N, C-alpha and C. Protein backbone atom coordinates (compact mmCIF):
# COMPACT_ATOMS: atom_id res chain seq x y z
N MET A 1 1.01 14.30 -36.56
CA MET A 1 0.38 14.69 -35.17
C MET A 1 0.32 15.98 -35.31
N ALA A 2 -0.89 17.27 -35.19
CA ALA A 2 -0.79 18.47 -35.23
C ALA A 2 0.24 19.26 -34.49
N ARG A 3 0.81 20.49 -34.88
CA ARG A 3 1.44 21.14 -34.63
C ARG A 3 1.23 22.33 -33.43
N PHE A 4 1.20 22.27 -32.36
CA PHE A 4 0.88 23.20 -31.74
C PHE A 4 1.88 24.26 -30.85
N ALA A 5 1.78 25.58 -30.16
CA ALA A 5 2.01 26.24 -29.69
C ALA A 5 2.89 25.64 -28.89
N GLU A 6 4.18 25.98 -28.42
CA GLU A 6 5.45 25.03 -27.64
C GLU A 6 5.04 25.34 -26.25
N PRO A 7 4.25 26.44 -25.97
CA PRO A 7 3.56 25.88 -24.41
C PRO A 7 2.35 24.93 -23.95
N MET A 8 1.82 24.39 -24.97
CA MET A 8 0.60 23.65 -25.33
C MET A 8 1.11 22.20 -25.37
N SER A 9 2.15 22.25 -26.76
CA SER A 9 3.14 21.31 -26.97
C SER A 9 3.65 20.39 -25.40
N ARG A 10 3.95 21.38 -24.79
CA ARG A 10 4.84 20.73 -23.38
C ARG A 10 3.79 20.54 -22.79
N LEU A 11 2.64 21.42 -22.22
CA LEU A 11 1.70 20.61 -21.89
C LEU A 11 1.30 18.98 -22.05
N ILE A 12 0.63 18.98 -23.07
CA ILE A 12 0.23 17.45 -23.40
C ILE A 12 1.39 16.47 -23.63
N ASP A 13 2.64 16.91 -23.62
CA ASP A 13 3.95 15.83 -23.57
C ASP A 13 3.96 15.40 -22.07
N GLU A 14 3.49 16.75 -21.06
CA GLU A 14 3.40 15.92 -19.35
C GLU A 14 2.28 15.44 -19.13
N LEU A 15 0.97 15.74 -19.39
CA LEU A 15 -0.04 15.16 -19.27
C LEU A 15 -0.01 13.26 -19.87
N ARG A 16 0.49 13.43 -20.73
CA ARG A 16 0.64 11.73 -21.52
C ARG A 16 1.49 11.07 -20.30
N LYS A 17 2.43 11.81 -19.96
CA LYS A 17 2.95 10.47 -19.00
C LYS A 17 2.46 10.16 -17.74
N LEU A 18 1.01 10.69 -17.54
CA LEU A 18 -0.05 10.02 -16.56
C LEU A 18 -0.63 8.46 -17.47
N PRO A 19 -1.14 7.84 -15.80
CA PRO A 19 -1.50 6.72 -16.36
C PRO A 19 -2.89 6.33 -17.36
N GLY A 20 -2.98 5.96 -18.24
CA GLY A 20 -4.32 5.81 -19.01
C GLY A 20 -5.01 6.65 -19.66
N VAL A 21 -3.26 7.67 -19.76
CA VAL A 21 -3.93 9.26 -20.75
C VAL A 21 -3.09 9.04 -22.00
N GLY A 22 -3.80 9.43 -22.74
CA GLY A 22 -3.17 8.69 -24.20
C GLY A 22 -3.25 10.44 -24.62
N THR A 23 -2.69 10.32 -26.36
CA THR A 23 -2.51 11.98 -27.15
C THR A 23 -3.70 12.36 -27.10
N LYS A 24 -4.66 11.78 -27.28
CA LYS A 24 -6.14 12.81 -27.95
C LYS A 24 -6.71 12.94 -26.15
N SER A 25 -6.68 12.50 -25.23
CA SER A 25 -6.71 12.68 -23.60
C SER A 25 -5.96 13.89 -23.18
N ALA A 26 -4.40 14.00 -23.72
CA ALA A 26 -4.12 14.88 -23.38
C ALA A 26 -4.30 16.06 -23.76
N GLN A 27 -4.67 15.89 -25.35
CA GLN A 27 -5.02 17.40 -25.69
C GLN A 27 -6.36 18.09 -25.28
N ARG A 28 -6.92 16.87 -24.86
CA ARG A 28 -8.62 17.75 -24.37
C ARG A 28 -7.99 18.26 -23.07
N LEU A 29 -7.56 17.46 -22.34
CA LEU A 29 -7.17 18.44 -21.07
C LEU A 29 -6.28 19.50 -20.89
N ALA A 30 -5.37 19.36 -21.77
CA ALA A 30 -4.78 20.62 -22.18
C ALA A 30 -5.70 22.03 -22.71
N PHE A 31 -6.18 21.58 -23.67
CA PHE A 31 -7.60 22.42 -24.08
C PHE A 31 -8.61 23.43 -22.97
N HIS A 32 -9.02 22.21 -22.08
CA HIS A 32 -9.46 23.04 -21.01
C HIS A 32 -8.94 23.52 -20.32
N VAL A 33 -7.86 23.38 -19.95
CA VAL A 33 -7.21 23.76 -19.00
C VAL A 33 -7.08 25.41 -19.42
N LEU A 34 -6.64 25.39 -20.91
CA LEU A 34 -6.63 27.10 -21.40
C LEU A 34 -7.94 28.09 -21.42
N ARG A 35 -8.87 27.40 -21.81
CA ARG A 35 -10.34 27.54 -21.47
C ARG A 35 -10.48 28.11 -20.19
N SER A 36 -10.09 27.41 -19.38
CA SER A 36 -10.33 27.77 -17.70
C SER A 36 -10.26 29.28 -17.41
N PRO A 37 -10.93 29.57 -16.33
CA PRO A 37 -10.17 30.85 -15.57
C PRO A 37 -8.81 30.69 -15.05
N ASP A 38 -8.30 31.79 -15.38
CA ASP A 38 -6.90 31.71 -14.59
C ASP A 38 -6.74 31.16 -13.03
N ALA A 39 -7.75 31.73 -12.41
CA ALA A 39 -7.91 30.93 -10.79
C ALA A 39 -7.66 29.74 -10.93
N ASP A 40 -8.49 28.81 -11.77
CA ASP A 40 -8.79 27.41 -12.29
C ASP A 40 -7.39 27.17 -12.07
N ALA A 41 -6.55 27.47 -13.31
CA ALA A 41 -5.46 27.07 -13.78
C ALA A 41 -4.29 27.08 -12.54
N ARG A 42 -4.48 28.33 -11.85
CA ARG A 42 -4.00 28.65 -10.54
C ARG A 42 -3.80 27.73 -9.45
N ALA A 43 -5.13 27.56 -9.46
CA ALA A 43 -5.33 26.25 -8.47
C ALA A 43 -4.81 25.03 -8.67
N LEU A 44 -5.31 24.16 -9.76
CA LEU A 44 -4.60 23.51 -10.16
C LEU A 44 -3.01 23.03 -10.10
N ALA A 45 -2.11 23.64 -10.54
CA ALA A 45 -0.97 24.10 -10.18
C ALA A 45 -0.71 24.17 -8.54
N ALA A 46 -1.13 24.73 -7.76
CA ALA A 46 -0.84 25.10 -6.81
C ALA A 46 -1.33 23.75 -6.07
N ALA A 47 -2.33 22.78 -6.25
CA ALA A 47 -2.82 21.77 -6.07
C ALA A 47 -1.60 20.32 -6.35
N ILE A 48 -1.09 20.43 -7.48
CA ILE A 48 -0.04 19.61 -7.73
C ILE A 48 1.39 20.36 -6.86
N LEU A 49 1.95 21.50 -6.76
CA LEU A 49 2.87 21.49 -6.35
C LEU A 49 2.89 21.45 -4.77
N GLU A 50 1.75 21.88 -3.59
CA GLU A 50 1.47 20.85 -2.37
C GLU A 50 1.34 19.79 -2.09
N LEU A 51 0.73 18.66 -3.26
CA LEU A 51 1.25 17.45 -3.15
C LEU A 51 2.45 17.10 -2.94
N ARG A 52 3.64 17.29 -3.54
CA ARG A 52 4.61 16.66 -3.79
C ARG A 52 5.67 17.42 -2.67
N ALA A 53 5.06 18.93 -2.01
CA ALA A 53 5.73 19.37 -0.73
C ALA A 53 4.98 19.40 0.85
N GLN A 54 4.24 18.44 0.55
CA GLN A 54 3.43 18.47 2.02
C GLN A 54 3.25 16.55 2.17
N LEU A 55 2.97 16.26 1.14
CA LEU A 55 2.65 14.52 1.41
C LEU A 55 4.21 13.63 1.25
N ARG A 56 4.31 13.06 2.59
CA ARG A 56 5.38 12.03 2.79
C ARG A 56 4.74 10.80 2.74
N LEU A 57 5.95 9.28 3.24
CA LEU A 57 5.38 8.14 3.56
C LEU A 57 5.41 8.10 5.20
N CYS A 58 4.24 7.07 5.58
CA CYS A 58 4.64 7.07 7.28
C CYS A 58 5.14 6.37 7.46
N SER A 59 6.15 6.85 8.73
CA SER A 59 7.05 6.17 8.87
C SER A 59 7.17 4.59 9.54
N VAL A 60 5.86 4.45 9.94
CA VAL A 60 5.81 3.23 10.34
C VAL A 60 5.09 1.83 9.39
N CYS A 61 4.11 2.61 8.43
CA CYS A 61 3.39 1.03 7.11
C CYS A 61 3.37 1.79 5.76
N ASN A 62 4.34 3.28 5.78
CA ASN A 62 4.63 3.48 4.49
C ASN A 62 3.33 3.96 3.81
N ASN A 63 1.95 4.34 4.21
CA ASN A 63 1.01 4.69 3.56
C ASN A 63 1.79 6.19 3.55
N VAL A 64 0.99 7.17 2.19
CA VAL A 64 0.72 8.30 1.98
C VAL A 64 0.31 9.08 2.85
N THR A 65 0.89 10.05 3.41
CA THR A 65 0.16 11.07 4.69
C THR A 65 1.12 12.59 3.97
N ASP A 66 0.48 13.19 5.37
CA ASP A 66 0.54 14.58 5.84
C ASP A 66 1.04 14.78 6.39
N VAL A 67 0.87 13.39 7.77
CA VAL A 67 1.19 13.69 9.03
C VAL A 67 1.87 12.26 9.43
N ASP A 68 2.98 11.97 10.65
CA ASP A 68 3.71 11.07 10.57
C ASP A 68 3.59 10.61 11.99
N PRO A 69 3.42 9.78 13.15
CA PRO A 69 2.40 8.33 11.55
C PRO A 69 1.16 8.64 10.94
N CYS A 70 0.68 8.01 10.22
CA CYS A 70 -0.25 8.41 9.65
C CYS A 70 -1.83 8.10 10.36
N VAL A 71 -2.99 8.20 9.86
CA VAL A 71 -4.08 8.30 10.81
C VAL A 71 -4.36 7.16 10.96
N TYR A 72 -4.19 5.92 10.59
CA TYR A 72 -4.05 4.75 10.61
C TYR A 72 -3.45 4.29 11.56
N CYS A 73 -2.20 4.62 11.63
CA CYS A 73 -1.21 4.22 12.86
C CYS A 73 -1.20 4.91 13.60
N ALA A 74 -1.74 5.89 13.88
CA ALA A 74 -1.95 6.97 14.71
C ALA A 74 -3.12 6.54 15.92
N SER A 75 -4.22 6.03 14.89
CA SER A 75 -5.59 5.53 16.37
C SER A 75 -5.31 5.02 16.97
N ALA A 76 -6.22 5.08 18.18
CA ALA A 76 -6.04 4.32 19.35
C ALA A 76 -7.47 3.28 18.84
N VAL A 77 -7.93 3.67 17.92
CA VAL A 77 -9.37 2.58 18.15
C VAL A 77 -9.48 1.49 17.16
N ARG A 78 -8.27 1.83 16.55
CA ARG A 78 -7.83 0.46 15.62
C ARG A 78 -6.91 -0.10 15.94
N ASP A 79 -7.04 -1.68 15.85
CA ASP A 79 -6.49 -2.86 16.43
C ASP A 79 -5.06 -2.87 15.96
N GLN A 80 -4.13 -2.71 16.19
CA GLN A 80 -2.70 -2.05 15.87
C GLN A 80 -1.86 -3.63 16.19
N HIS A 81 -3.08 -5.09 16.66
CA HIS A 81 -2.21 -5.83 16.50
C HIS A 81 -2.53 -6.95 15.42
N ILE A 82 -2.94 -6.00 14.39
CA ILE A 82 -3.47 -7.00 12.85
C ILE A 82 -3.09 -5.90 11.93
N VAL A 83 -2.37 -6.15 11.06
CA VAL A 83 -1.58 -5.94 10.21
C VAL A 83 -1.64 -5.96 9.15
N CYS A 84 -2.33 -5.11 7.66
CA CYS A 84 -2.93 -6.19 6.63
C CYS A 84 -1.69 -5.41 5.18
N VAL A 85 -1.44 -5.90 4.92
CA VAL A 85 0.12 -5.73 3.78
C VAL A 85 -0.91 -5.91 2.30
N VAL A 86 -0.69 -4.50 1.86
CA VAL A 86 -1.15 -4.17 0.85
C VAL A 86 0.33 -3.90 -0.10
N GLU A 87 -0.50 -4.03 -1.68
CA GLU A 87 0.83 -3.26 -2.69
C GLU A 87 0.67 -2.07 -2.38
N GLU A 88 -0.32 -1.49 -3.09
CA GLU A 88 -0.08 -0.05 -2.89
C GLU A 88 -0.84 1.04 -2.58
N PRO A 89 -0.67 2.30 -1.75
CA PRO A 89 -1.74 3.18 -1.01
C PRO A 89 -3.65 3.03 -1.20
N THR A 90 -3.16 3.15 -2.27
CA THR A 90 -4.93 2.73 -3.20
C THR A 90 -5.56 1.53 -2.96
N ASN A 91 -4.75 0.38 -2.55
CA ASN A 91 -5.31 -0.73 -1.98
C ASN A 91 -5.82 -0.26 -0.52
N ILE A 92 -5.97 0.65 0.26
CA ILE A 92 -6.34 0.61 1.47
C ILE A 92 -7.34 1.52 1.49
N ALA A 93 -7.88 2.34 0.74
CA ALA A 93 -9.24 2.85 0.10
C ALA A 93 -10.19 1.71 -0.16
N THR A 94 -9.40 0.93 -0.81
CA THR A 94 -10.45 -0.18 -1.28
C THR A 94 -11.33 -1.32 -0.13
N ILE A 95 -10.41 -1.66 0.78
CA ILE A 95 -10.31 -2.36 1.87
C ILE A 95 -11.01 -1.67 2.56
N GLU A 96 -10.85 -0.26 3.57
CA GLU A 96 -11.65 0.86 4.21
C GLU A 96 -13.09 0.62 3.05
N LYS A 97 -13.58 1.12 2.25
CA LYS A 97 -14.72 0.69 1.82
C LYS A 97 -15.69 -0.46 2.11
N THR A 98 -15.07 -1.85 2.86
CA THR A 98 -15.78 -2.56 3.04
C THR A 98 -16.34 -2.55 4.40
N ARG A 99 -16.11 -1.29 5.25
CA ARG A 99 -16.13 -0.96 6.90
C ARG A 99 -16.36 -2.38 7.63
N SER A 100 -14.86 -3.06 7.31
CA SER A 100 -15.23 -4.42 8.03
C SER A 100 -13.84 -4.59 8.59
N TYR A 101 -12.84 -3.93 7.93
CA TYR A 101 -11.69 -3.82 8.63
C TYR A 101 -11.05 -2.76 9.72
N ASN A 102 -10.94 -3.58 10.71
CA ASN A 102 -10.50 -2.16 11.73
C ASN A 102 -9.01 -2.31 12.35
N GLY A 103 -7.86 -3.03 11.47
CA GLY A 103 -6.64 -2.71 11.75
C GLY A 103 -5.67 -1.83 10.80
N ALA A 104 -4.60 -2.32 11.27
CA ALA A 104 -3.36 -1.60 10.79
C ALA A 104 -3.11 -1.75 8.90
N TYR A 105 -2.14 -1.18 8.87
CA TYR A 105 -1.44 -1.44 7.50
C TYR A 105 -0.35 -1.41 7.15
N HIS A 106 0.44 -2.06 6.04
CA HIS A 106 1.74 -1.90 5.63
C HIS A 106 1.82 -2.10 4.02
N VAL A 107 2.36 -0.50 3.61
CA VAL A 107 2.06 -0.49 2.24
C VAL A 107 3.84 -1.32 1.60
N LEU A 108 3.47 -1.54 0.65
CA LEU A 108 4.69 -2.50 -0.17
C LEU A 108 5.62 -1.22 -0.90
N HIS A 109 4.25 -0.88 -1.83
CA HIS A 109 5.08 -0.16 -3.19
C HIS A 109 5.43 -0.86 -3.91
N GLY A 110 4.75 -2.06 -4.32
CA GLY A 110 4.80 -2.70 -5.40
C GLY A 110 4.84 -4.10 -5.14
N THR A 111 5.80 -4.83 -6.05
CA THR A 111 4.98 -6.39 -6.10
C THR A 111 6.54 -6.94 -6.63
N LEU A 112 7.29 -8.30 -6.36
CA LEU A 112 8.44 -8.78 -6.62
C LEU A 112 8.53 -9.07 -8.06
N SER A 113 9.14 -8.57 -9.09
CA SER A 113 8.87 -8.89 -10.67
C SER A 113 10.34 -9.15 -11.04
N PRO A 114 10.82 -10.12 -10.96
CA PRO A 114 12.29 -10.44 -11.48
C PRO A 114 12.64 -9.85 -12.94
N ILE A 115 11.80 -9.79 -13.64
CA ILE A 115 11.68 -9.61 -15.22
C ILE A 115 11.78 -8.21 -15.19
N GLY A 116 10.98 -7.35 -14.57
CA GLY A 116 11.16 -6.17 -14.55
C GLY A 116 12.33 -5.19 -13.39
N GLY A 117 13.10 -6.09 -12.70
CA GLY A 117 13.93 -5.96 -12.00
C GLY A 117 13.83 -5.30 -10.35
N VAL A 118 12.47 -5.87 -10.13
CA VAL A 118 11.96 -5.54 -8.91
C VAL A 118 12.23 -6.76 -8.05
N GLY A 119 13.47 -6.50 -6.64
CA GLY A 119 13.29 -7.74 -5.98
C GLY A 119 12.94 -7.09 -4.49
N PRO A 120 13.18 -7.82 -3.39
CA PRO A 120 12.80 -7.77 -2.16
C PRO A 120 13.42 -6.51 -1.37
N GLU A 121 14.66 -5.94 -1.93
CA GLU A 121 15.14 -5.10 -1.73
C GLU A 121 14.35 -3.47 -2.36
N GLN A 122 13.81 -3.66 -3.17
CA GLN A 122 12.91 -2.36 -4.15
C GLN A 122 11.62 -2.23 -3.38
N LEU A 123 11.23 -3.11 -2.75
CA LEU A 123 10.09 -2.94 -1.93
C LEU A 123 10.16 -2.30 -0.14
N ARG A 124 9.19 -2.17 -0.26
CA ARG A 124 9.19 -1.49 1.78
C ARG A 124 8.92 -3.08 2.44
N ILE A 125 9.54 -4.17 2.74
CA ILE A 125 9.51 -5.31 2.83
C ILE A 125 10.19 -5.02 4.52
N ALA A 126 11.50 -4.57 4.67
CA ALA A 126 12.44 -4.49 5.59
C ALA A 126 11.67 -3.87 6.84
N ASN A 127 11.13 -2.93 6.88
CA ASN A 127 10.50 -2.20 8.01
C ASN A 127 9.21 -2.96 8.74
N LEU A 128 8.74 -3.64 7.60
CA LEU A 128 7.58 -4.86 8.18
C LEU A 128 7.92 -5.40 9.04
N LEU A 129 9.19 -6.45 8.72
CA LEU A 129 9.72 -7.30 9.41
C LEU A 129 9.97 -6.89 10.74
N THR A 130 10.52 -5.66 10.79
CA THR A 130 11.13 -4.99 12.33
C THR A 130 9.59 -4.79 12.98
N ARG A 131 8.63 -4.35 12.37
CA ARG A 131 7.64 -4.12 13.53
C ARG A 131 7.06 -5.50 13.82
N LEU A 132 7.53 -6.73 13.38
CA LEU A 132 7.05 -8.44 13.64
C LEU A 132 8.04 -8.79 14.95
N ILE A 133 9.19 -8.19 15.02
CA ILE A 133 10.18 -8.62 16.03
C ILE A 133 9.65 -8.78 17.37
N PRO A 134 9.74 -9.75 17.84
CA PRO A 134 9.18 -9.90 19.50
C PRO A 134 10.15 -8.86 20.35
N ILE A 135 9.50 -8.82 21.07
CA ILE A 135 10.00 -7.94 22.33
C ILE A 135 10.46 -8.95 23.53
N PRO A 136 11.54 -9.16 23.71
CA PRO A 136 11.91 -10.16 24.92
C PRO A 136 10.91 -9.64 26.55
N SER A 137 11.35 -10.23 27.22
CA SER A 137 11.03 -9.87 28.74
C SER A 137 12.01 -9.11 29.39
N ASN A 138 13.45 -8.80 28.85
CA ASN A 138 13.92 -8.16 29.41
C ASN A 138 13.34 -6.80 29.21
N GLY A 139 12.92 -6.55 28.03
CA GLY A 139 12.58 -4.98 27.65
C GLY A 139 12.76 -4.47 26.48
N SER A 140 14.16 -5.10 25.79
CA SER A 140 15.20 -4.74 24.73
C SER A 140 14.88 -5.41 23.38
N ALA A 141 14.72 -4.54 22.69
CA ALA A 141 14.60 -5.31 20.97
C ALA A 141 15.25 -6.40 20.67
N GLY A 142 14.26 -7.63 20.22
CA GLY A 142 15.37 -8.66 19.34
C GLY A 142 14.65 -9.98 19.89
N PHE A 143 15.13 -11.06 19.56
CA PHE A 143 14.95 -12.51 20.13
C PHE A 143 15.05 -12.54 21.71
N SER A 144 14.44 -13.30 22.09
CA SER A 144 14.40 -13.72 23.65
C SER A 144 15.04 -15.19 23.27
N GLY A 145 15.60 -15.84 24.35
CA GLY A 145 16.44 -17.26 24.30
C GLY A 145 15.54 -18.26 23.35
N SER A 146 13.85 -18.25 23.83
CA SER A 146 13.05 -18.99 23.78
C SER A 146 12.46 -18.90 22.76
N ASP A 147 11.86 -19.70 21.58
CA ASP A 147 10.98 -18.89 20.63
C ASP A 147 9.92 -18.66 20.75
N GLU A 148 9.01 -18.53 21.60
CA GLU A 148 8.22 -18.01 22.71
C GLU A 148 8.06 -16.67 23.06
N MET A 149 7.13 -15.78 22.23
CA MET A 149 6.99 -14.10 22.51
C MET A 149 6.70 -14.25 23.93
N SER A 150 7.36 -13.08 24.87
CA SER A 150 6.60 -13.11 26.19
C SER A 150 5.58 -12.28 25.89
N PRO A 151 4.89 -12.44 27.44
CA PRO A 151 3.36 -11.86 27.67
C PRO A 151 3.72 -10.34 27.02
N ARG A 152 4.44 -9.86 27.06
CA ARG A 152 4.70 -8.42 26.74
C ARG A 152 4.71 -7.86 25.41
N ALA A 153 5.23 -9.19 24.70
CA ALA A 153 5.66 -8.96 23.34
C ALA A 153 3.99 -9.39 22.64
N GLU A 154 3.44 -10.37 23.41
CA GLU A 154 2.07 -10.36 22.93
C GLU A 154 0.83 -9.57 22.87
N ASP A 155 1.18 -8.97 24.07
CA ASP A 155 0.25 -7.45 24.45
C ASP A 155 0.34 -6.54 23.80
N ALA A 156 1.42 -6.37 23.18
CA ALA A 156 2.19 -4.87 22.18
C ALA A 156 2.66 -5.24 20.83
N GLY A 157 2.65 -6.60 20.85
CA GLY A 157 2.88 -6.69 19.59
C GLY A 157 2.07 -7.24 18.49
N ILE A 158 2.51 -7.11 16.97
CA ILE A 158 1.20 -7.99 16.17
C ILE A 158 1.18 -9.19 16.00
N ARG A 159 0.00 -9.90 16.18
CA ARG A 159 -0.37 -11.10 16.16
C ARG A 159 -0.59 -11.41 14.67
N GLU A 160 -1.39 -10.88 13.96
CA GLU A 160 -1.70 -11.46 12.64
C GLU A 160 -1.31 -10.23 11.16
N VAL A 161 -0.81 -11.06 10.43
CA VAL A 161 -0.42 -10.18 9.15
C VAL A 161 -1.01 -10.91 8.06
N ILE A 162 -1.82 -10.04 7.53
CA ILE A 162 -2.71 -10.41 6.20
C ILE A 162 -2.48 -10.15 5.26
N LEU A 163 -1.93 -10.99 4.18
CA LEU A 163 -1.78 -10.58 2.65
C LEU A 163 -2.17 -10.28 1.91
N ALA A 164 -2.47 -9.46 1.88
CA ALA A 164 -3.94 -8.55 0.96
C ALA A 164 -3.24 -8.20 -0.38
N THR A 165 -1.66 -8.63 -0.72
CA THR A 165 -1.80 -8.22 -2.41
C THR A 165 -2.25 -9.13 -3.32
N SER A 166 -2.29 -8.13 -4.74
CA SER A 166 -3.34 -9.05 -5.53
C SER A 166 -2.64 -10.64 -6.12
N PRO A 167 -4.15 -11.11 -6.31
CA PRO A 167 -3.87 -12.64 -6.92
C PRO A 167 -3.70 -12.73 -8.38
N THR A 168 -2.55 -11.97 -8.56
CA THR A 168 -1.65 -12.14 -9.74
C THR A 168 -0.14 -13.03 -9.51
N THR A 169 0.35 -12.92 -11.11
CA THR A 169 1.68 -14.01 -10.54
C THR A 169 2.25 -13.00 -9.69
N GLU A 170 2.83 -12.13 -9.99
CA GLU A 170 3.69 -11.18 -8.85
C GLU A 170 3.38 -11.05 -7.43
N GLY A 171 1.78 -11.29 -7.64
CA GLY A 171 1.35 -10.73 -5.95
C GLY A 171 1.27 -12.14 -5.28
N GLU A 172 0.72 -13.14 -5.48
CA GLU A 172 1.68 -14.53 -5.46
C GLU A 172 2.56 -14.62 -5.03
N ALA A 173 3.66 -14.23 -5.54
CA ALA A 173 5.68 -14.58 -5.64
C ALA A 173 5.38 -13.50 -4.09
N THR A 174 4.81 -12.38 -4.12
CA THR A 174 5.22 -11.48 -2.97
C THR A 174 4.74 -11.92 -1.85
N ALA A 175 3.56 -12.52 -1.53
CA ALA A 175 3.01 -12.99 -0.40
C ALA A 175 3.78 -13.88 -0.39
N ALA A 176 4.50 -14.97 -0.99
CA ALA A 176 4.54 -16.31 -0.61
C ALA A 176 5.92 -15.79 -0.04
N TYR A 177 6.81 -14.84 -0.51
CA TYR A 177 8.00 -14.22 -0.16
C TYR A 177 7.52 -14.00 0.96
N ILE A 178 6.98 -12.86 1.54
CA ILE A 178 6.98 -12.42 2.68
C ILE A 178 6.87 -13.24 3.65
N ALA A 179 5.65 -14.67 3.51
CA ALA A 179 5.31 -15.35 4.37
C ALA A 179 6.11 -16.07 4.61
N ASP A 180 7.52 -16.36 3.81
CA ASP A 180 8.24 -17.06 4.34
C ASP A 180 9.30 -16.71 5.06
N GLU A 181 9.79 -15.05 4.84
CA GLU A 181 10.62 -14.66 5.79
C GLU A 181 9.48 -13.90 7.37
N ILE A 182 8.51 -13.85 7.10
CA ILE A 182 7.45 -13.84 8.47
C ILE A 182 8.01 -15.14 9.39
N ARG A 183 8.01 -16.15 9.16
CA ARG A 183 8.05 -17.41 9.61
C ARG A 183 9.36 -17.53 10.07
N ARG A 184 10.21 -17.17 9.23
CA ARG A 184 11.89 -16.88 9.61
C ARG A 184 12.42 -16.19 11.10
N ILE A 185 11.53 -15.01 11.11
CA ILE A 185 11.87 -14.58 12.30
C ILE A 185 10.61 -14.05 13.62
N ALA A 186 9.35 -14.67 13.09
CA ALA A 186 8.32 -14.86 13.87
C ALA A 186 7.77 -16.50 14.02
N PRO A 187 7.83 -16.99 14.32
CA PRO A 187 7.49 -18.78 13.62
C PRO A 187 6.24 -18.68 14.43
N LYS A 188 5.76 -17.99 15.19
CA LYS A 188 4.79 -18.10 15.99
C LYS A 188 3.64 -17.10 15.25
N MET A 189 3.89 -16.35 14.57
CA MET A 189 2.68 -15.27 13.76
C MET A 189 1.96 -15.84 12.99
N ARG A 190 0.67 -15.56 13.42
CA ARG A 190 -0.66 -16.09 12.38
C ARG A 190 -0.50 -15.30 11.09
N VAL A 191 -0.27 -15.44 9.99
CA VAL A 191 0.00 -15.44 8.33
C VAL A 191 -0.90 -16.17 7.76
N THR A 192 -2.08 -14.83 7.47
CA THR A 192 -3.41 -15.41 6.30
C THR A 192 -3.28 -14.64 5.05
N ARG A 193 -3.72 -15.46 4.19
CA ARG A 193 -3.77 -14.91 2.87
C ARG A 193 -5.24 -14.49 2.61
N ILE A 194 -5.63 -13.00 2.12
CA ILE A 194 -6.84 -12.95 1.76
C ILE A 194 -7.41 -13.95 0.47
N ALA A 195 -9.05 -14.45 0.60
CA ALA A 195 -9.35 -15.62 -0.25
C ALA A 195 -9.50 -15.27 -1.71
N THR A 196 -10.06 -16.29 -2.69
CA THR A 196 -10.42 -15.72 -3.74
C THR A 196 -11.33 -14.80 -4.31
N GLY A 197 -11.99 -13.91 -3.37
CA GLY A 197 -12.92 -13.32 -3.78
C GLY A 197 -12.55 -12.16 -4.55
N VAL A 198 -11.08 -12.36 -4.81
CA VAL A 198 -11.06 -10.84 -5.93
C VAL A 198 -10.13 -11.98 -6.69
N PRO A 199 -10.70 -11.79 -8.30
CA PRO A 199 -10.87 -12.73 -9.22
C PRO A 199 -9.21 -12.83 -9.45
N ALA A 200 -8.71 -14.20 -9.65
CA ALA A 200 -6.85 -14.35 -10.12
C ALA A 200 -6.89 -13.76 -11.51
N GLY A 201 -5.69 -12.75 -11.06
CA GLY A 201 -5.66 -12.15 -12.23
C GLY A 201 -5.78 -10.26 -12.51
N SER A 202 -6.73 -10.13 -11.78
CA SER A 202 -7.36 -9.08 -11.34
C SER A 202 -6.19 -7.98 -10.47
N ASP A 203 -6.70 -6.86 -10.23
CA ASP A 203 -5.96 -5.91 -9.70
C ASP A 203 -6.95 -5.55 -8.45
N ILE A 204 -6.45 -5.74 -6.96
CA ILE A 204 -7.12 -5.22 -5.93
C ILE A 204 -7.45 -3.81 -6.24
N GLU A 205 -7.14 -2.99 -7.00
CA GLU A 205 -7.58 -1.55 -6.82
C GLU A 205 -9.13 -1.83 -7.60
N TYR A 206 -8.87 -2.66 -7.53
CA TYR A 206 -11.05 -2.53 -8.80
C TYR A 206 -11.46 -3.32 -7.82
N ALA A 207 -11.27 -3.75 -7.26
CA ALA A 207 -12.32 -4.79 -6.39
C ALA A 207 -13.62 -4.08 -5.77
N ASP A 208 -14.83 -4.39 -6.13
CA ASP A 208 -15.74 -3.67 -5.39
C ASP A 208 -15.91 -4.10 -3.95
N GLU A 209 -17.19 -3.18 -3.18
CA GLU A 209 -16.67 -3.45 -1.76
C GLU A 209 -17.69 -5.08 -1.51
N VAL A 210 -18.74 -5.63 -2.11
CA VAL A 210 -19.06 -7.02 -1.64
C VAL A 210 -17.77 -7.88 -1.98
N THR A 211 -16.65 -7.76 -2.99
CA THR A 211 -15.68 -8.52 -3.30
C THR A 211 -14.64 -8.30 -2.57
N MET A 212 -14.55 -7.60 -1.93
CA MET A 212 -13.38 -7.44 -0.92
C MET A 212 -13.70 -7.64 0.36
N LEU A 213 -14.98 -7.45 0.83
CA LEU A 213 -15.83 -8.06 1.58
C LEU A 213 -15.51 -9.83 2.22
N ARG A 214 -15.99 -10.23 0.95
CA ARG A 214 -15.62 -11.71 1.22
C ARG A 214 -14.16 -12.13 1.07
N ALA A 215 -13.49 -11.56 0.56
CA ALA A 215 -12.15 -11.68 0.51
C ALA A 215 -11.24 -12.13 1.75
N LEU A 216 -11.68 -10.42 2.42
CA LEU A 216 -11.25 -10.86 3.61
C LEU A 216 -11.76 -11.64 4.55
N GLU A 217 -13.31 -11.70 4.22
CA GLU A 217 -14.04 -11.97 5.64
C GLU A 217 -13.37 -14.35 5.13
N GLY A 218 -12.87 -14.31 3.63
CA GLY A 218 -12.62 -15.81 3.97
C GLY A 218 -10.96 -16.24 3.61
N ARG A 219 -10.13 -15.38 4.47
CA ARG A 219 -8.75 -15.19 4.34
C ARG A 219 -8.40 -16.46 5.08
N ARG A 220 -7.34 -17.00 4.49
CA ARG A 220 -6.86 -18.52 5.20
C ARG A 220 -5.26 -18.63 5.61
N GLU A 221 -5.07 -19.91 6.16
CA GLU A 221 -3.43 -19.95 6.51
C GLU A 221 -2.79 -19.85 5.31
N PHE A 222 -1.61 -19.12 5.35
CA PHE A 222 -0.65 -19.13 3.95
C PHE A 222 0.54 -19.69 4.59
C-alpha cells in the first residue's frame, strides 16, 4: 500500500470504516476532501459533528430523530392504532415511498442472531411490548381481570402490529419471536407479516416501491 502523509493516512483509515467503502474508495474520497475548498471541508466536518450532537432515538418508536417524539409518532393524521415493526430506521423510508401506509412505526435496530451474539435484550423489543399492554377500565396500566381489552384500550391502543422484518433467516426468526411475545401479553392483538413481495434472502432496504407496496398489501396473519 502506498505511503501517505500522516493526516491523509488517518483520514483514509477512518473512511474505510464506513460500510461499502474499500481502500481505493477511501483514497479517492480523502483526496477529494483535500482538493475541496476549505468551506466545503468545514461544512462536512460540521455536518458530522451536528449529526452526533443533535440526533437521538425517539422515546416511543426508536426512530432516529431530532425531535422527541418523532414526526411519525407525533402526527395527528397518521393512524396510531397500527404499528409497522422494521429492523432499521432506513427501512421506514422504503415503506414511505409506497405512499400507501399511514400508520406508526417501531424500529428494532437489528435482528436476532445467536451466532452474532444478538439476543432479544440487544434489540429494542421491550418498549414495543410496553406499547401493546391493554389499558384496563380503571385507567391504570396493566391487565384487567379478563383477557378482553376494555373499550378505552381499543380506542386508545394499538390494534395491529405489522412485522416488516426482512425475509432472511434472521428476519424470520425475529418476526416469529416478536409474534410469540405479543400473543403472550395481548392475545387479542392482530399480528400480520408482510407478504413475499420482498424476495426471500434479500434486505428490505433495497426493495423498490412496487415490491414494497405488494408486500404491504399482501400481508398475512402470522
